[in-house]
Amino acid sequence: MARRPAATGIQHSRAGDDPTIARRHARLHPTLEGIYLVEDLGSRNGTFINGAPVQGWAALKPGDELQVGNRRLRLTIRP
């Protein structure tokens, strides 16, 4: 039986580095199907995929831009 991958929290451990990222900002959850789901954890500055706010869970696809606070990240999956 395949194990479900663990969720990864997007956290900011040094609050002074970027005040737009909360200590518990968002959660990134890989699925068994190879899809990544993103959940905003009620952050003040929000979580966005390609400029659209994340409400509840949202799918993140290769090439998508994930914005957490003022930081922008691009999802790249290596074979």
PDB file of N, CA and C in Angstrom:
ATOM      1  N   MET A   1       0.842  -1.173   0.000  1.00  0.00           N
ATOM      2  CA  MET A   1       0.000   0.000   0.000  1.00  0.00           C
ATOM      3  C   MET A   1       0.894   1.245   0.000  1.00  0.00           C
ATOM      4  N   ALA A   2       0.650   2.143  -0.912  1.00  0.00           N
ATOM      5  CA  ALA A   2       1.461   3.362  -1.020  1.00  0.00           C
ATOM      6  C   ALA A   2       1.135   4.311   0.127  1.00  0.00           C
ATOM      7  N   ARG A   3       2.162   4.928   0.651  1.00  0.00           N
ATOM      8  CA  ARG A   3       1.968   5.909   1.721  1.00  0.00           C
ATOM      9  C   ARG A   3       1.717   7.275   1.122  1.00  0.00           C
ATOM     10  N   ARG A   4       0.867   8.014   1.747  1.00  0.00           N
ATOM     11  CA  ARG A   4       0.569   9.366   1.304  1.00  0.00           C
ATOM     12  C   ARG A   4       1.724  10.287   1.706  1.00  0.00           C
ATOM     13  N   PRO A   5       2.230  11.109   0.780  1.00  0.00           N
ATOM     14  CA  PRO A   5       3.320  12.023   1.121  1.00  0.00           C
ATOM     15  C   PRO A   5       2.876  13.014   2.193  1.00  0.00           C
ATOM     16  N   ALA A   6       3.808  13.417   3.018  1.00  0.00           N
ATOM     17  CA  ALA A   6       3.511  14.360   4.092  1.00  0.00           C
ATOM     18  C   ALA A   6       3.390  15.779   3.560  1.00  0.00           C
ATOM     19  N   ALA A   7       2.532  16.551   4.196  1.00  0.00           N
ATOM     20  CA  ALA A   7       2.380  17.963   3.833  1.00  0.00           C
ATOM     21  C   ALA A   7       3.592  18.739   4.312  1.00  0.00           C
ATOM     22  N   THR A   8       3.944  19.768   3.580  1.00  0.00           N
ATOM     23  CA  THR A   8       5.069  20.626   3.929  1.00  0.00           C
ATOM     24  C   THR A   8       4.535  22.011   4.202  1.00  0.00           C
ATOM     25  N   GLY A   9       4.881  22.565   5.353  1.00  0.00           N
ATOM     26  CA  GLY A   9       4.441  23.913   5.684  1.00  0.00           C
ATOM     27  C   GLY A   9       5.386  24.948   5.103  1.00  0.00           C
ATOM     28  N   ILE A  10       4.826  26.019   4.597  1.00  0.00           N
ATOM     29  CA  ILE A  10       5.638  27.149   4.150  1.00  0.00           C
ATOM     30  C   ILE A  10       5.679  28.090   5.333  1.00  0.00           C
ATOM     31  N   GLN A  11       6.810  28.109   5.986  1.00  0.00           N
ATOM     32  CA  GLN A  11       6.950  28.876   7.211  1.00  0.00           C
ATOM     33  C   GLN A  11       8.109  29.838   7.077  1.00  0.00           C
ATOM     34  N   HIS A  12       8.092  30.796   7.940  1.00  0.00           N
ATOM     35  CA  HIS A  12       9.155  31.797   7.950  1.00  0.00           C
ATOM     36  C   HIS A  12       9.740  31.794   9.351  1.00  0.00           C
ATOM     37  N   SER A  13      10.926  31.240   9.505  1.00  0.00           N
ATOM     38  CA  SER A  13      11.505  31.074  10.835  1.00  0.00           C
ATOM     39  C   SER A  13      12.165  32.337  11.373  1.00  0.00           C
ATOM     40  N   ARG A  14      12.551  33.259  10.496  1.00  0.00           N
ATOM     41  CA  ARG A  14      13.174  34.505  10.954  1.00  0.00           C
ATOM     42  C   ARG A  14      12.272  35.662  10.542  1.00  0.00           C
ATOM     43  N   ALA A  15      11.400  36.060  11.442  1.00  0.00           N
ATOM     44  CA  ALA A  15      10.358  37.043  11.123  1.00  0.00           C
ATOM     45  C   ALA A  15      10.924  38.361  10.627  1.00  0.00           C
ATOM     46  N   GLY A  16      12.147  38.722  11.005  1.00  0.00           N
ATOM     47  CA  GLY A  16      12.708  39.994  10.586  1.00  0.00           C
ATOM     48  C   GLY A  16      13.104  40.047   9.126  1.00  0.00           C
ATOM     49  N   ASP A  17      13.261  38.915   8.462  1.00  0.00           N
ATOM     50  CA  ASP A  17      13.700  38.876   7.067  1.00  0.00           C
ATOM     51  C   ASP A  17      12.645  39.402   6.103  1.00  0.00           C
ATOM     52  N   ASP A  18      11.403  39.024   6.293  1.00  0.00           N
ATOM     53  CA  ASP A  18      10.328  39.455   5.399  1.00  0.00           C
ATOM     54  C   ASP A  18       9.046  39.555   6.206  1.00  0.00           C
ATOM     55  N   PRO A  19       8.633  40.753   6.556  1.00  0.00           N
ATOM     56  CA  PRO A  19       7.443  40.913   7.396  1.00  0.00           C
ATOM     57  C   PRO A  19       6.142  40.548   6.689  1.00  0.00           C
ATOM     58  N   THR A  20       6.182  40.268   5.383  1.00  0.00           N
ATOM     59  CA  THR A  20       4.959  39.910   4.659  1.00  0.00           C
ATOM     60  C   THR A  20       4.650  38.418   4.729  1.00  0.00           C
ATOM     61  N   ILE A  21       5.569  37.625   5.321  1.00  0.00           N
ATOM     62  CA  ILE A  21       5.361  36.181   5.448  1.00  0.00           C
ATOM     63  C   ILE A  21       5.119  35.857   6.914  1.00  0.00           C
ATOM     64  N   ALA A  22       3.989  35.197   7.184  1.00  0.00           N
ATOM     65  CA  ALA A  22       3.641  34.799   8.545  1.00  0.00           C
ATOM     66  C   ALA A  22       4.459  33.582   8.967  1.00  0.00           C
ATOM     67  N   ARG A  23       4.571  33.390  10.263  1.00  0.00           N
ATOM     68  CA  ARG A  23       5.291  32.200  10.755  1.00  0.00           C
ATOM     69  C   ARG A  23       4.632  30.916  10.254  1.00  0.00           C
ATOM     70  N   ARG A  24       3.320  30.880  10.179  1.00  0.00           N
ATOM     71  CA  ARG A  24       2.573  29.755   9.587  1.00  0.00           C
ATOM     72  C   ARG A  24       1.743  30.353   8.471  1.00  0.00           C
ATOM     73  N   HIS A  25       2.250  30.369   7.272  1.00  0.00           N
ATOM     74  CA  HIS A  25       1.640  31.103   6.178  1.00  0.00           C
ATOM     75  C   HIS A  25       0.783  30.215   5.270  1.00  0.00           C
ATOM     76  N   ALA A  26       1.358  29.121   4.804  1.00  0.00           N
ATOM     77  CA  ALA A  26       0.660  28.248   3.853  1.00  0.00           C
ATOM     78  C   ALA A  26       1.167  26.823   4.003  1.00  0.00           C
ATOM     79  N   ARG A  27       0.422  25.903   3.417  1.00  0.00           N
ATOM     80  CA  ARG A  27       0.805  24.487   3.444  1.00  0.00           C
ATOM     81  C   ARG A  27       0.854  23.991   2.008  1.00  0.00           C
ATOM     82  N   LEU A  28       1.922  23.265   1.679  1.00  0.00           N
ATOM     83  CA  LEU A  28       2.102  22.648   0.364  1.00  0.00           C
ATOM     84  C   LEU A  28       1.980  21.144   0.558  1.00  0.00           C
ATOM     85  N   HIS A  29       1.035  20.532  -0.154  1.00  0.00           N
ATOM     86  CA  HIS A  29       0.738  19.121   0.059  1.00  0.00           C
ATOM     87  C   HIS A  29       0.879  18.339  -1.240  1.00  0.00           C
ATOM     88  N   PRO A  30       1.908  17.475  -1.341  1.00  0.00           N
ATOM     89  CA  PRO A  30       2.031  16.626  -2.534  1.00  0.00           C
ATOM     90  C   PRO A  30       1.029  15.470  -2.435  1.00  0.00           C
ATOM     91  N   THR A  31       0.410  15.118  -3.558  1.00  0.00           N
ATOM     92  CA  THR A  31      -0.534  13.996  -3.577  1.00  0.00           C
ATOM     93  C   THR A  31       0.130  12.780  -4.221  1.00  0.00           C
ATOM     94  N   LEU A  32      -0.497  11.648  -4.073  1.00  0.00           N
ATOM     95  CA  LEU A  32       0.025  10.426  -4.683  1.00  0.00           C
ATOM     96  C   LEU A  32      -0.004  10.501  -6.205  1.00  0.00           C
ATOM     97  N   GLU A  33      -0.869  11.347  -6.744  1.00  0.00           N
ATOM     98  CA  GLU A  33      -0.989  11.496  -8.200  1.00  0.00           C
ATOM     99  C   GLU A  33       0.051  12.453  -8.768  1.00  0.00           C
ATOM    100  N   GLY A  34       0.913  13.016  -7.934  1.00  0.00           N
ATOM    101  CA  GLY A  34       1.945  13.935  -8.409  1.00  0.00           C
ATOM    102  C   GLY A  34       1.494  15.378  -8.510  1.00  0.00           C
ATOM    103  N   ILE A  35       0.330  15.673  -7.984  1.00  0.00           N
ATOM    104  CA  ILE A  35      -0.188  17.047  -7.966  1.00  0.00           C
ATOM    105  C   ILE A  35       0.184  17.670  -6.631  1.00  0.00           C
ATOM    106  N   TYR A  36       0.475  18.964  -6.640  1.00  0.00           N
ATOM    107  CA  TYR A  36       0.738  19.677  -5.404  1.00  0.00           C
ATOM    108  C   TYR A  36      -0.443  20.584  -5.097  1.00  0.00           C
ATOM    109  N   LEU A  37      -0.927  20.520  -3.874  1.00  0.00           N
ATOM    110  CA  LEU A  37      -2.019  21.368  -3.423  1.00  0.00           C
ATOM    111  C   LEU A  37      -1.465  22.401  -2.462  1.00  0.00           C
ATOM    112  N   VAL A  38      -1.984  23.620  -2.548  1.00  0.00           N
ATOM    113  CA  VAL A  38      -1.557  24.714  -1.685  1.00  0.00           C
ATOM    114  C   VAL A  38      -2.756  25.181  -0.877  1.00  0.00           C
ATOM    115  N   GLU A  39      -2.526  25.435   0.405  1.00  0.00           N
ATOM    116  CA  GLU A  39      -3.562  25.973   1.282  1.00  0.00           C
ATOM    117  C   GLU A  39      -3.005  27.176   2.017  1.00  0.00           C
ATOM    118  N   ASP A  40      -3.707  28.287   1.963  1.00  0.00           N
ATOM    119  CA  ASP A  40      -3.343  29.445   2.775  1.00  0.00           C
ATOM    120  C   ASP A  40      -3.853  29.188   4.185  1.00  0.00           C
ATOM    121  N   LEU A  41      -3.033  29.447   5.179  1.00  0.00           N
ATOM    122  CA  LEU A  41      -3.402  29.159   6.566  1.00  0.00           C
ATOM    123  C   LEU A  41      -3.941  30.397   7.287  1.00  0.00           C
ATOM    124  N   GLY A  42      -4.642  31.247   6.542  1.00  0.00           N
ATOM    125  CA  GLY A  42      -5.238  32.434   7.148  1.00  0.00           C
ATOM    126  C   GLY A  42      -4.260  33.582   7.294  1.00  0.00           C
ATOM    127  N   SER A  43      -3.259  33.621   6.442  1.00  0.00           N
ATOM    128  CA  SER A  43      -2.245  34.673   6.530  1.00  0.00           C
ATOM    129  C   SER A  43      -2.838  36.028   6.175  1.00  0.00           C
ATOM    130  N   ARG A  44      -2.283  37.059   6.735  1.00  0.00           N
ATOM    131  CA  ARG A  44      -2.766  38.418   6.491  1.00  0.00           C
ATOM    132  C   ARG A  44      -2.479  38.885   5.070  1.00  0.00           C
ATOM    133  N   ASN A  45      -1.316  38.532   4.526  1.00  0.00           N
ATOM    134  CA  ASN A  45      -0.911  39.000   3.204  1.00  0.00           C
ATOM    135  C   ASN A  45      -1.253  38.036   2.078  1.00  0.00           C
ATOM    136  N   GLY A  46      -1.806  36.895   2.408  1.00  0.00           N
ATOM    137  CA  GLY A  46      -2.308  35.984   1.401  1.00  0.00           C
ATOM    138  C   GLY A  46      -1.276  35.118   0.705  1.00  0.00           C
ATOM    139  N   THR A  47      -1.814  34.147  -0.015  1.00  0.00           N
ATOM    140  CA  THR A  47      -1.053  33.221  -0.844  1.00  0.00           C
ATOM    141  C   THR A  47      -1.724  33.244  -2.209  1.00  0.00           C
ATOM    142  N   PHE A  48      -0.933  33.302  -3.273  1.00  0.00           N
ATOM    143  CA  PHE A  48      -1.475  33.459  -4.615  1.00  0.00           C
ATOM    144  C   PHE A  48      -0.828  32.460  -5.570  1.00  0.00           C
ATOM    145  N   ILE A  49      -1.600  31.979  -6.534  1.00  0.00           N
ATOM    146  CA  ILE A  49      -1.078  31.170  -7.631  1.00  0.00           C
ATOM    147  C   ILE A  49      -1.365  31.945  -8.906  1.00  0.00           C
ATOM    148  N   ASN A  50      -0.302  32.301  -9.619  1.00  0.00           N
ATOM    149  CA  ASN A  50      -0.417  33.075 -10.862  1.00  0.00           C
ATOM    150  C   ASN A  50      -1.261  34.333 -10.662  1.00  0.00           C
ATOM    151  N   GLY A  51      -1.107  34.967  -9.491  1.00  0.00           N
ATOM    152  CA  GLY A  51      -1.799  36.213  -9.191  1.00  0.00           C
ATOM    153  C   GLY A  51      -3.190  36.058  -8.608  1.00  0.00           C
ATOM    154  N   ALA A  52      -3.750  34.850  -8.611  1.00  0.00           N
ATOM    155  CA  ALA A  52      -5.091  34.612  -8.062  1.00  0.00           C
ATOM    156  C   ALA A  52      -4.975  34.164  -6.608  1.00  0.00           C
ATOM    157  N   PRO A  53      -5.779  34.746  -5.711  1.00  0.00           N
ATOM    158  CA  PRO A  53      -5.704  34.345  -4.305  1.00  0.00           C
ATOM    159  C   PRO A  53      -6.118  32.897  -4.097  1.00  0.00           C
ATOM    160  N   VAL A  54      -5.419  32.224  -3.198  1.00  0.00           N
ATOM    161  CA  VAL A  54      -5.740  30.841  -2.844  1.00  0.00           C
ATOM    162  C   VAL A  54      -6.821  30.881  -1.768  1.00  0.00           C
ATOM    163  N   GLN A  55      -7.932  30.227  -2.042  1.00  0.00           N
ATOM    164  CA  GLN A  55      -9.021  30.113  -1.071  1.00  0.00           C
ATOM    165  C   GLN A  55      -9.297  28.634  -0.900  1.00  0.00           C
ATOM    166  N   GLY A  56      -9.101  28.128   0.288  1.00  0.00           N
ATOM    167  CA  GLY A  56      -9.178  26.686   0.514  1.00  0.00           C
ATOM    168  C   GLY A  56      -7.936  26.037  -0.083  1.00  0.00           C
ATOM    169  N   TRP A  57      -8.110  24.894  -0.723  1.00  0.00           N
ATOM    170  CA  TRP A  57      -7.007  24.209  -1.398  1.00  0.00           C
ATOM    171  C   TRP A  57      -7.018  24.577  -2.872  1.00  0.00           C
ATOM    172  N   ALA A  58      -5.833  24.768  -3.454  1.00  0.00           N
ATOM    173  CA  ALA A  58      -5.715  25.054  -4.884  1.00  0.00           C
ATOM    174  C   ALA A  58      -4.582  24.211  -5.455  1.00  0.00           C
ATOM    175  N   ALA A  59      -4.757  23.733  -6.686  1.00  0.00           N
ATOM    176  CA  ALA A  59      -3.739  22.911  -7.344  1.00  0.00           C
ATOM    177  C   ALA A  59      -2.623  23.794  -7.887  1.00  0.00           C
ATOM    178  N   LEU A  60      -1.399  23.335  -7.711  1.00  0.00           N
ATOM    179  CA  LEU A  60      -0.207  24.017  -8.209  1.00  0.00           C
ATOM    180  C   LEU A  60       0.410  23.122  -9.268  1.00  0.00           C
ATOM    181  N   LYS A  61       0.555  23.647 -10.485  1.00  0.00           N
ATOM    182  CA  LYS A  61       1.080  22.857 -11.598  1.00  0.00           C
ATOM    183  C   LYS A  61       2.480  23.328 -11.981  1.00  0.00           C
ATOM    184  N   PRO A  62       3.273  22.479 -12.645  1.00  0.00           N
ATOM    185  CA  PRO A  62       4.603  22.902 -13.083  1.00  0.00           C
ATOM    186  C   PRO A  62       4.528  24.195 -13.890  1.00  0.00           C
ATOM    187  N   GLY A  63       5.407  25.126 -13.577  1.00  0.00           N
ATOM    188  CA  GLY A  63       5.444  26.418 -14.246  1.00  0.00           C
ATOM    189  C   GLY A  63       4.623  27.489 -13.556  1.00  0.00           C
ATOM    190  N   ASP A  64       3.731  27.094 -12.629  1.00  0.00           N
ATOM    191  CA  ASP A  64       2.933  28.073 -11.898  1.00  0.00           C
ATOM    192  C   ASP A  64       3.812  28.907 -10.984  1.00  0.00           C
ATOM    193  N   GLU A  65       3.387  30.138 -10.769  1.00  0.00           N
ATOM    194  CA  GLU A  65       4.080  31.020  -9.836  1.00  0.00           C
ATOM    195  C   GLU A  65       3.292  31.048  -8.530  1.00  0.00           C
ATOM    196  N   LEU A  66       3.954  30.688  -7.440  1.00  0.00           N
ATOM    197  CA  LEU A  66       3.375  30.710  -6.106  1.00  0.00           C
ATOM    198  C   LEU A  66       3.909  31.948  -5.398  1.00  0.00           C
ATOM    199  N   GLN A  67       3.017  32.794  -4.931  1.00  0.00           N
ATOM    200  CA  GLN A  67       3.436  33.987  -4.192  1.00  0.00           C
ATOM    201  C   GLN A  67       2.998  33.848  -2.747  1.00  0.00           C
ATOM    202  N   VAL A  68       3.968  33.982  -1.845  1.00  0.00           N
ATOM    203  CA  VAL A  68       3.744  33.925  -0.409  1.00  0.00           C
ATOM    204  C   VAL A  68       4.250  35.245   0.140  1.00  0.00           C
ATOM    205  N   GLY A  69       3.325  36.096   0.607  1.00  0.00           N
ATOM    206  CA  GLY A  69       3.733  37.444   0.991  1.00  0.00           C
ATOM    207  C   GLY A  69       4.279  38.139  -0.245  1.00  0.00           C
ATOM    208  N   ASN A  70       5.481  38.702  -0.140  1.00  0.00           N
ATOM    209  CA  ASN A  70       6.115  39.347  -1.299  1.00  0.00           C
ATOM    210  C   ASN A  70       7.045  38.422  -2.074  1.00  0.00           C
ATOM    211  N   ARG A  71       7.210  37.182  -1.604  1.00  0.00           N
ATOM    212  CA  ARG A  71       8.122  36.224  -2.256  1.00  0.00           C
ATOM    213  C   ARG A  71       7.404  35.465  -3.351  1.00  0.00           C
ATOM    214  N   ARG A  72       8.076  35.322  -4.489  1.00  0.00           N
ATOM    215  CA  ARG A  72       7.511  34.579  -5.618  1.00  0.00           C
ATOM    216  C   ARG A  72       8.383  33.362  -5.896  1.00  0.00           C
ATOM    217  N   LEU A  73       7.727  32.226  -6.061  1.00  0.00           N
ATOM    218  CA  LEU A  73       8.410  30.946  -6.317  1.00  0.00           C
ATOM    219  C   LEU A  73       7.788  30.308  -7.539  1.00  0.00           C
ATOM    220  N   ARG A  74       8.583  29.589  -8.308  1.00  0.00           N
ATOM    221  CA  ARG A  74       8.063  28.884  -9.482  1.00  0.00           C
ATOM    222  C   ARG A  74       8.255  27.384  -9.251  1.00  0.00           C
ATOM    223  N   LEU A  75       7.182  26.602  -9.476  1.00  0.00           N
ATOM    224  CA  LEU A  75       7.247  25.165  -9.296  1.00  0.00           C
ATOM    225  C   LEU A  75       7.914  24.513 -10.495  1.00  0.00           C
ATOM    226  N   THR A  76       8.973  23.770 -10.226  1.00  0.00           N
ATOM    227  CA  THR A  76       9.667  22.986 -11.237  1.00  0.00           C
ATOM    228  C   THR A  76       9.752  21.558 -10.727  1.00  0.00           C
ATOM    229  N   ILE A  77       9.332  20.607 -11.542  1.00  0.00           N
ATOM    230  CA  ILE A  77       9.396  19.197 -11.147  1.00  0.00           C
ATOM    231  C   ILE A  77      10.414  18.523 -12.029  1.00  0.00           C
ATOM    232  N   ARG A  78      11.381  17.896 -11.387  1.00  0.00           N
ATOM    233  CA  ARG A  78      12.434  17.183 -12.127  1.00  0.00           C
ATOM    234  C   ARG A  78      12.047  15.718 -12.244  1.00  0.00           C
ATOM    235  N   PRO A  79      12.307  15.113 -13.411  1.00  0.00           N
ATOM    236  CA  PRO A  79      11.957  13.693 -13.597  1.00  0.00           C
ATOM    237  C   PRO A  79      12.821  12.788 -12.754  1.00  0.00           C
TER     238      PRO A  79
END
